[in-house]
PDB file of N, CA and C in Angstrom:
ATOM      1  N   GLU A   1       0.851  15.504  17.622  1.00  0.00           N
ATOM      2  CA  GLU A   1       1.832  15.720  16.570  1.00  0.00           C
ATOM      3  C   GLU A   1       3.223  15.671  17.214  1.00  0.00           C
ATOM      4  N   ALA A   2       4.121  14.912  16.631  1.00  0.00           N
ATOM      5  CA  ALA A   2       5.459  14.739  17.209  1.00  0.00           C
ATOM      6  C   ALA A   2       6.295  16.012  17.142  1.00  0.00           C
ATOM      7  N   TRP A   3       6.081  16.830  16.121  1.00  0.00           N
ATOM      8  CA  TRP A   3       6.803  18.094  15.974  1.00  0.00           C
ATOM      9  C   TRP A   3       5.945  19.065  15.188  1.00  0.00           C
ATOM     10  N   SER A   4       6.267  20.329  15.280  1.00  0.00           N
ATOM     11  CA  SER A   4       5.530  21.368  14.568  1.00  0.00           C
ATOM     12  C   SER A   4       6.496  22.166  13.711  1.00  0.00           C
ATOM     13  N   ASP A   5       6.159  22.375  12.435  1.00  0.00           N
ATOM     14  CA  ASP A   5       7.043  23.180  11.588  1.00  0.00           C
ATOM     15  C   ASP A   5       6.818  24.673  11.801  1.00  0.00           C
ATOM     16  N   LEU A   6       5.965  25.033  12.751  1.00  0.00           N
ATOM     17  CA  LEU A   6       5.782  26.439  13.095  1.00  0.00           C
ATOM     18  C   LEU A   6       6.898  26.935  14.017  1.00  0.00           C
ATOM     19  N   MET A   7       7.569  26.021  14.678  1.00  0.00           N
ATOM     20  CA  MET A   7       8.671  26.398  15.561  1.00  0.00           C
ATOM     21  C   MET A   7       9.904  26.696  14.721  1.00  0.00           C
ATOM     22  N   GLY A   8      10.877  27.373  15.313  1.00  0.00           N
ATOM     23  CA  GLY A   8      12.082  27.764  14.589  1.00  0.00           C
ATOM     24  C   GLY A   8      12.910  26.583  14.115  1.00  0.00           C
ATOM     25  N   HIS A   9      13.607  26.784  13.037  1.00  0.00           N
ATOM     26  CA  HIS A   9      14.521  25.783  12.501  1.00  0.00           C
ATOM     27  C   HIS A   9      15.938  26.311  12.661  1.00  0.00           C
ATOM     28  N   ALA A  10      16.895  25.410  12.659  1.00  0.00           N
ATOM     29  CA  ALA A  10      18.274  25.825  12.911  1.00  0.00           C
ATOM     30  C   ALA A  10      19.227  25.226  11.888  1.00  0.00           C
ATOM     31  N   GLN A  11      20.218  26.005  11.541  1.00  0.00           N
ATOM     32  CA  GLN A  11      21.346  25.534  10.755  1.00  0.00           C
ATOM     33  C   GLN A  11      22.605  25.918  11.524  1.00  0.00           C
ATOM     34  N   LEU A  12      23.678  25.194  11.292  1.00  0.00           N
ATOM     35  CA  LEU A  12      24.890  25.410  12.068  1.00  0.00           C
ATOM     36  C   LEU A  12      26.111  25.189  11.194  1.00  0.00           C
ATOM     37  N   ILE A  13      27.094  26.053  11.344  1.00  0.00           N
ATOM     38  CA  ILE A  13      28.431  25.816  10.803  1.00  0.00           C
ATOM     39  C   ILE A  13      29.401  25.987  11.963  1.00  0.00           C
ATOM     40  N   ARG A  14      30.080  24.906  12.305  1.00  0.00           N
ATOM     41  CA  ARG A  14      31.063  24.941  13.395  1.00  0.00           C
ATOM     42  C   ARG A  14      32.450  25.038  12.767  1.00  0.00           C
ATOM     43  N   ILE A  15      33.224  26.025  13.221  1.00  0.00           N
ATOM     44  CA  ILE A  15      34.567  26.255  12.700  1.00  0.00           C
ATOM     45  C   ILE A  15      35.570  25.827  13.768  1.00  0.00           C
ATOM     46  N   GLU A  16      36.442  24.896  13.396  1.00  0.00           N
ATOM     47  CA  GLU A  16      37.476  24.408  14.294  1.00  0.00           C
ATOM     48  C   GLU A  16      38.818  24.453  13.571  1.00  0.00           C
ATOM     49  N   PRO A  17      39.916  24.377  14.307  1.00  0.00           N
ATOM     50  CA  PRO A  17      41.230  24.384  13.656  1.00  0.00           C
ATOM     51  C   PRO A  17      41.412  23.235  12.658  1.00  0.00           C
ATOM     52  N   THR A  18      40.712  22.128  12.879  1.00  0.00           N
ATOM     53  CA  THR A  18      40.864  20.956  12.007  1.00  0.00           C
ATOM     54  C   THR A  18      39.888  20.934  10.838  1.00  0.00           C
ATOM     55  N   GLY A  19      38.939  21.880  10.787  1.00  0.00           N
ATOM     56  CA  GLY A  19      37.998  21.914   9.667  1.00  0.00           C
ATOM     57  C   GLY A  19      36.646  22.472  10.056  1.00  0.00           C
ATOM     58  N   PHE A  20      35.687  22.278   9.187  1.00  0.00           N
ATOM     59  CA  PHE A  20      34.333  22.786   9.356  1.00  0.00           C
ATOM     60  C   PHE A  20      33.353  21.619   9.483  1.00  0.00           C
ATOM     61  N   THR A  21      32.275  21.847  10.225  1.00  0.00           N
ATOM     62  CA  THR A  21      31.187  20.884  10.320  1.00  0.00           C
ATOM     63  C   THR A  21      29.893  21.633  10.068  1.00  0.00           C
ATOM     64  N   GLY A  22      29.017  21.089   9.232  1.00  0.00           N
ATOM     65  CA  GLY A  22      27.727  21.706   8.956  1.00  0.00           C
ATOM     66  C   GLY A  22      26.595  20.786   9.369  1.00  0.00           C
ATOM     67  N   ALA A  23      25.508  21.374   9.843  1.00  0.00           N
ATOM     68  CA  ALA A  23      24.332  20.602  10.230  1.00  0.00           C
ATOM     69  C   ALA A  23      23.086  21.421   9.923  1.00  0.00           C
ATOM     70  N   SER A  24      21.990  20.715   9.663  1.00  0.00           N
ATOM     71  CA  SER A  24      20.736  21.381   9.332  1.00  0.00           C
ATOM     72  C   SER A  24      19.573  20.618   9.941  1.00  0.00           C
ATOM     73  N   ASP A  25      18.569  21.340  10.380  1.00  0.00           N
ATOM     74  CA  ASP A  25      17.349  20.738  10.910  1.00  0.00           C
ATOM     75  C   ASP A  25      16.645  20.005   9.768  1.00  0.00           C
ATOM     76  N   PRO A  26      16.428  18.694   9.864  1.00  0.00           N
ATOM     77  CA  PRO A  26      15.822  17.954   8.760  1.00  0.00           C
ATOM     78  C   PRO A  26      14.371  18.349   8.469  1.00  0.00           C
ATOM     79  N   ARG A  27      13.721  19.062   9.379  1.00  0.00           N
ATOM     80  CA  ARG A  27      12.342  19.495   9.137  1.00  0.00           C
ATOM     81  C   ARG A  27      12.279  20.730   8.258  1.00  0.00           C
ATOM     82  N   ALA A  28      13.419  21.416   8.090  1.00  0.00           N
ATOM     83  CA  ALA A  28      13.448  22.668   7.341  1.00  0.00           C
ATOM     84  C   ALA A  28      13.861  22.419   5.892  1.00  0.00           C
ATOM     85  N   ASP A  29      13.559  23.370   5.024  1.00  0.00           N
ATOM     86  CA  ASP A  29      13.982  23.296   3.630  1.00  0.00           C
ATOM     87  C   ASP A  29      15.360  23.909   3.434  1.00  0.00           C
ATOM     88  N   GLY A  30      15.933  24.472   4.484  1.00  0.00           N
ATOM     89  CA  GLY A  30      17.211  25.166   4.368  1.00  0.00           C
ATOM     90  C   GLY A  30      18.398  24.230   4.501  1.00  0.00           C
ATOM     91  N   ALA A  31      19.580  24.815   4.420  1.00  0.00           N
ATOM     92  CA  ALA A  31      20.828  24.068   4.561  1.00  0.00           C
ATOM     93  C   ALA A  31      21.885  24.985   5.161  1.00  0.00           C
ATOM     94  N   ALA A  32      22.868  24.390   5.789  1.00  0.00           N
ATOM     95  CA  ALA A  32      24.004  25.148   6.312  1.00  0.00           C
ATOM     96  C   ALA A  32      25.034  25.252   5.195  1.00  0.00           C
ATOM     97  N   LEU A  33      25.289  26.457   4.725  1.00  0.00           N
ATOM     98  CA  LEU A  33      26.243  26.677   3.632  1.00  0.00           C
ATOM     99  C   LEU A  33      27.290  27.678   4.077  1.00  0.00           C
ATOM    100  N   GLY A  34      28.500  27.480   3.662  1.00  0.00           N
ATOM    101  CA  GLY A  34      29.571  28.405   4.006  1.00  0.00           C
ATOM    102  C   GLY A  34      30.574  28.500   2.879  1.00  0.00           C
ATOM    103  N   PHE A  35      31.381  29.528   2.930  1.00  0.00           N
ATOM    104  CA  PHE A  35      32.394  29.713   1.898  1.00  0.00           C
ATOM    105  C   PHE A  35      33.735  29.803   2.567  1.00  0.00           C
TER     106      PHE A  35
END
């Protein structure tokens, strides 16, 4: 199996002076959300 969904998933919000960047593990059902 190339990957296992039993391992942890990650989401990220990077905050920089020029703006925000969001990323999400495509294997997960979640999303990186911020306000």
